[in-house]
N, C-alpha and C. Protein backbone atom coordinates (compact mmCIF):
# COMPACT_ATOMS: atom_id res chain seq x y z
N MET A 1 30.16 -80.01 37.81
CA MET A 1 28.73 -80.11 38.06
C MET A 1 28.45 -80.05 39.55
N LYS A 2 27.40 -79.40 39.89
CA LYS A 2 27.00 -79.23 41.27
C LYS A 2 26.12 -80.40 41.71
N THR A 3 26.45 -81.02 42.84
CA THR A 3 25.61 -82.08 43.39
C THR A 3 25.13 -81.65 44.77
N LEU A 4 23.87 -81.92 45.05
CA LEU A 4 23.26 -81.56 46.32
C LEU A 4 22.53 -82.75 46.90
N LYS A 5 22.33 -82.72 48.21
CA LYS A 5 21.56 -83.76 48.89
C LYS A 5 20.42 -83.06 49.62
N GLY A 6 19.19 -83.56 49.41
CA GLY A 6 18.05 -82.90 50.02
C GLY A 6 16.93 -83.87 50.34
N ILE A 7 15.91 -83.34 50.99
CA ILE A 7 14.74 -84.11 51.41
C ILE A 7 13.57 -83.72 50.53
N VAL A 8 12.83 -84.72 50.05
CA VAL A 8 11.67 -84.48 49.18
C VAL A 8 10.52 -83.93 50.02
N LEU A 9 9.97 -82.80 49.57
CA LEU A 9 8.82 -82.20 50.25
C LEU A 9 7.52 -82.56 49.56
N SER A 10 7.52 -82.53 48.21
CA SER A 10 6.28 -82.73 47.48
C SER A 10 6.56 -83.43 46.16
N THR A 11 5.62 -84.31 45.75
CA THR A 11 5.70 -84.96 44.44
C THR A 11 4.36 -84.83 43.71
N LYS A 12 3.65 -83.76 43.93
CA LYS A 12 2.32 -83.59 43.37
C LYS A 12 2.33 -83.24 41.88
N MET A 13 3.45 -82.71 41.37
CA MET A 13 3.53 -82.36 39.96
C MET A 13 3.93 -83.57 39.13
N ASP A 14 3.67 -83.52 37.85
CA ASP A 14 4.00 -84.60 36.94
C ASP A 14 5.49 -84.56 36.60
N LYS A 15 6.23 -85.62 36.91
CA LYS A 15 7.68 -85.76 36.64
C LYS A 15 8.53 -84.74 37.38
N THR A 16 7.99 -84.10 38.41
CA THR A 16 8.71 -83.07 39.15
C THR A 16 8.49 -83.25 40.64
N ALA A 17 9.56 -83.03 41.40
CA ALA A 17 9.47 -83.05 42.86
C ALA A 17 10.08 -81.77 43.40
N VAL A 18 9.66 -81.39 44.59
CA VAL A 18 10.24 -80.24 45.27
C VAL A 18 11.08 -80.78 46.42
N ILE A 19 12.36 -80.37 46.47
CA ILE A 19 13.23 -80.80 47.56
C ILE A 19 13.70 -79.58 48.33
N ILE A 20 14.11 -79.80 49.57
CA ILE A 20 14.68 -78.74 50.39
C ILE A 20 16.11 -79.13 50.75
N VAL A 21 17.02 -78.19 50.56
CA VAL A 21 18.44 -78.42 50.83
C VAL A 21 18.84 -77.51 51.98
N GLU A 22 19.49 -78.09 52.97
CA GLU A 22 19.90 -77.35 54.16
C GLU A 22 21.42 -77.15 54.12
N GLN A 23 21.86 -75.91 54.30
CA GLN A 23 23.28 -75.60 54.33
C GLN A 23 23.61 -74.94 55.66
N ILE A 24 24.69 -75.36 56.29
CA ILE A 24 25.12 -74.79 57.55
C ILE A 24 26.39 -73.99 57.29
N LYS A 25 26.34 -72.70 57.59
CA LYS A 25 27.48 -71.82 57.39
C LYS A 25 27.83 -71.17 58.72
N THR A 26 29.08 -70.75 58.87
CA THR A 26 29.54 -70.08 60.07
C THR A 26 29.69 -68.59 59.79
N HIS A 27 29.18 -67.77 60.68
CA HIS A 27 29.31 -66.32 60.55
C HIS A 27 30.78 -65.95 60.70
N ARG A 28 31.26 -65.05 59.83
CA ARG A 28 32.68 -64.72 59.85
C ARG A 28 33.13 -64.04 61.13
N LEU A 29 32.33 -63.12 61.64
CA LEU A 29 32.74 -62.35 62.81
C LEU A 29 32.35 -63.03 64.12
N TYR A 30 31.13 -63.49 64.21
CA TYR A 30 30.62 -64.00 65.48
C TYR A 30 30.76 -65.51 65.65
N LYS A 31 31.15 -66.21 64.59
CA LYS A 31 31.40 -67.67 64.62
C LYS A 31 30.16 -68.48 65.00
N LYS A 32 29.00 -67.91 64.80
CA LYS A 32 27.76 -68.63 65.08
C LYS A 32 27.36 -69.43 63.84
N ARG A 33 26.84 -70.63 64.06
CA ARG A 33 26.41 -71.47 62.94
C ARG A 33 25.03 -71.02 62.48
N LEU A 34 24.90 -70.76 61.19
CA LEU A 34 23.65 -70.32 60.60
C LEU A 34 23.13 -71.41 59.68
N VAL A 35 21.85 -71.73 59.78
CA VAL A 35 21.24 -72.75 58.94
C VAL A 35 20.43 -72.06 57.87
N ARG A 36 20.71 -72.38 56.62
CA ARG A 36 20.00 -71.81 55.48
C ARG A 36 19.28 -72.92 54.74
N HIS A 37 18.04 -72.67 54.31
CA HIS A 37 17.23 -73.64 53.58
C HIS A 37 16.92 -73.06 52.20
N LYS A 38 16.90 -73.92 51.19
CA LYS A 38 16.51 -73.49 49.85
C LYS A 38 15.73 -74.62 49.18
N LYS A 39 14.66 -74.26 48.50
CA LYS A 39 13.84 -75.25 47.80
C LYS A 39 14.22 -75.28 46.32
N TYR A 40 14.26 -76.48 45.76
CA TYR A 40 14.55 -76.67 44.35
C TYR A 40 13.49 -77.57 43.74
N LYS A 41 13.16 -77.33 42.47
CA LYS A 41 12.32 -78.25 41.71
C LYS A 41 13.25 -79.15 40.91
N VAL A 42 13.02 -80.47 41.00
CA VAL A 42 13.91 -81.42 40.35
C VAL A 42 13.12 -82.38 39.46
N GLU A 43 13.79 -82.90 38.45
CA GLU A 43 13.21 -83.87 37.51
C GLU A 43 13.30 -85.27 38.10
N ILE A 44 12.18 -86.01 38.09
CA ILE A 44 12.17 -87.40 38.59
C ILE A 44 11.58 -88.30 37.52
N GLU A 45 12.31 -88.55 36.45
CA GLU A 45 11.78 -89.34 35.35
C GLU A 45 11.44 -90.77 35.76
N SER A 46 12.45 -91.56 36.12
CA SER A 46 12.23 -92.99 36.34
C SER A 46 12.34 -93.39 37.81
N PHE A 47 12.50 -92.44 38.70
CA PHE A 47 12.65 -92.75 40.13
C PHE A 47 11.29 -92.70 40.82
N LEU A 48 11.07 -93.65 41.72
CA LEU A 48 9.86 -93.64 42.54
C LEU A 48 10.22 -93.01 43.88
N VAL A 49 9.90 -91.75 44.04
CA VAL A 49 10.20 -91.05 45.29
C VAL A 49 8.90 -90.61 45.92
N LYS A 50 8.93 -90.46 47.24
CA LYS A 50 7.78 -89.95 47.96
C LYS A 50 8.28 -88.93 48.98
N ALA A 51 7.37 -88.19 49.56
CA ALA A 51 7.73 -87.16 50.52
C ALA A 51 8.48 -87.78 51.70
N GLY A 52 9.59 -87.17 52.08
CA GLY A 52 10.40 -87.66 53.18
C GLY A 52 11.64 -88.41 52.74
N ASP A 53 11.74 -88.80 51.48
CA ASP A 53 12.93 -89.49 50.99
C ASP A 53 14.11 -88.52 50.89
N VAL A 54 15.30 -89.06 51.12
CA VAL A 54 16.53 -88.28 50.94
C VAL A 54 17.09 -88.64 49.57
N VAL A 55 17.33 -87.62 48.74
CA VAL A 55 17.79 -87.85 47.37
C VAL A 55 19.05 -87.07 47.09
N LYS A 56 19.80 -87.55 46.10
CA LYS A 56 20.99 -86.87 45.62
C LYS A 56 20.66 -86.34 44.23
N VAL A 57 20.90 -85.05 43.99
CA VAL A 57 20.56 -84.43 42.71
C VAL A 57 21.81 -83.83 42.08
N VAL A 58 21.78 -83.71 40.76
CA VAL A 58 22.90 -83.15 40.02
C VAL A 58 22.37 -82.06 39.09
N GLU A 59 23.18 -81.03 38.87
CA GLU A 59 22.79 -79.90 38.04
C GLU A 59 22.81 -80.31 36.57
N THR A 60 21.82 -79.85 35.80
CA THR A 60 21.73 -80.13 34.37
C THR A 60 21.44 -78.83 33.62
N LYS A 61 21.27 -78.95 32.33
CA LYS A 61 20.83 -77.79 31.56
C LYS A 61 19.40 -77.45 31.97
N PRO A 62 18.95 -76.24 31.77
CA PRO A 62 17.59 -75.89 32.18
C PRO A 62 16.56 -76.76 31.47
N LEU A 63 15.72 -77.43 32.26
CA LEU A 63 14.68 -78.30 31.73
C LEU A 63 13.35 -77.56 31.59
N SER A 64 13.17 -76.51 32.36
CA SER A 64 12.00 -75.63 32.26
C SER A 64 12.38 -74.30 32.90
N LYS A 65 11.39 -73.48 33.19
CA LYS A 65 11.67 -72.17 33.78
C LYS A 65 12.34 -72.30 35.15
N ASP A 66 11.87 -73.27 35.97
CA ASP A 66 12.37 -73.41 37.33
C ASP A 66 13.22 -74.64 37.56
N LYS A 67 13.20 -75.61 36.64
CA LYS A 67 13.86 -76.90 36.86
C LYS A 67 15.23 -76.94 36.19
N TYR A 68 16.27 -77.13 37.00
CA TYR A 68 17.61 -77.33 36.45
C TYR A 68 18.42 -78.31 37.28
N PHE A 69 17.74 -79.22 37.97
CA PHE A 69 18.37 -80.32 38.69
C PHE A 69 17.65 -81.61 38.35
N LYS A 70 18.38 -82.72 38.44
CA LYS A 70 17.83 -84.04 38.13
C LYS A 70 18.23 -85.01 39.22
N VAL A 71 17.33 -85.91 39.63
CA VAL A 71 17.63 -86.89 40.66
C VAL A 71 18.59 -87.94 40.11
N VAL A 72 19.67 -88.21 40.86
CA VAL A 72 20.65 -89.22 40.46
C VAL A 72 20.38 -90.53 41.20
N GLU A 73 20.13 -90.43 42.52
CA GLU A 73 19.83 -91.64 43.29
C GLU A 73 19.01 -91.28 44.52
N VAL A 74 18.30 -92.30 45.01
CA VAL A 74 17.52 -92.16 46.24
C VAL A 74 18.35 -92.77 47.36
N LEU A 75 18.69 -91.98 48.38
CA LEU A 75 19.56 -92.45 49.45
C LEU A 75 18.79 -93.17 50.54
N LYS A 76 17.63 -92.68 50.94
CA LYS A 76 16.81 -93.30 51.98
C LYS A 76 15.37 -93.28 51.56
């Protein structure tokens, strides 16, 4: 199972939050560090999260068209 750590951007939807995950990769030839961002929609059933919280999410079966991650714990 895939686990990711991200920052909550929005909680305006019902039982759904939008998080952003930042990945730092190194270019193979030039050795420059590249920062990549990706947004995910995650399920927040019983967690009280707000924008700016750092959360840990885990991959699940598809819950809707765009949602296939679920919040496991709130880190900050």
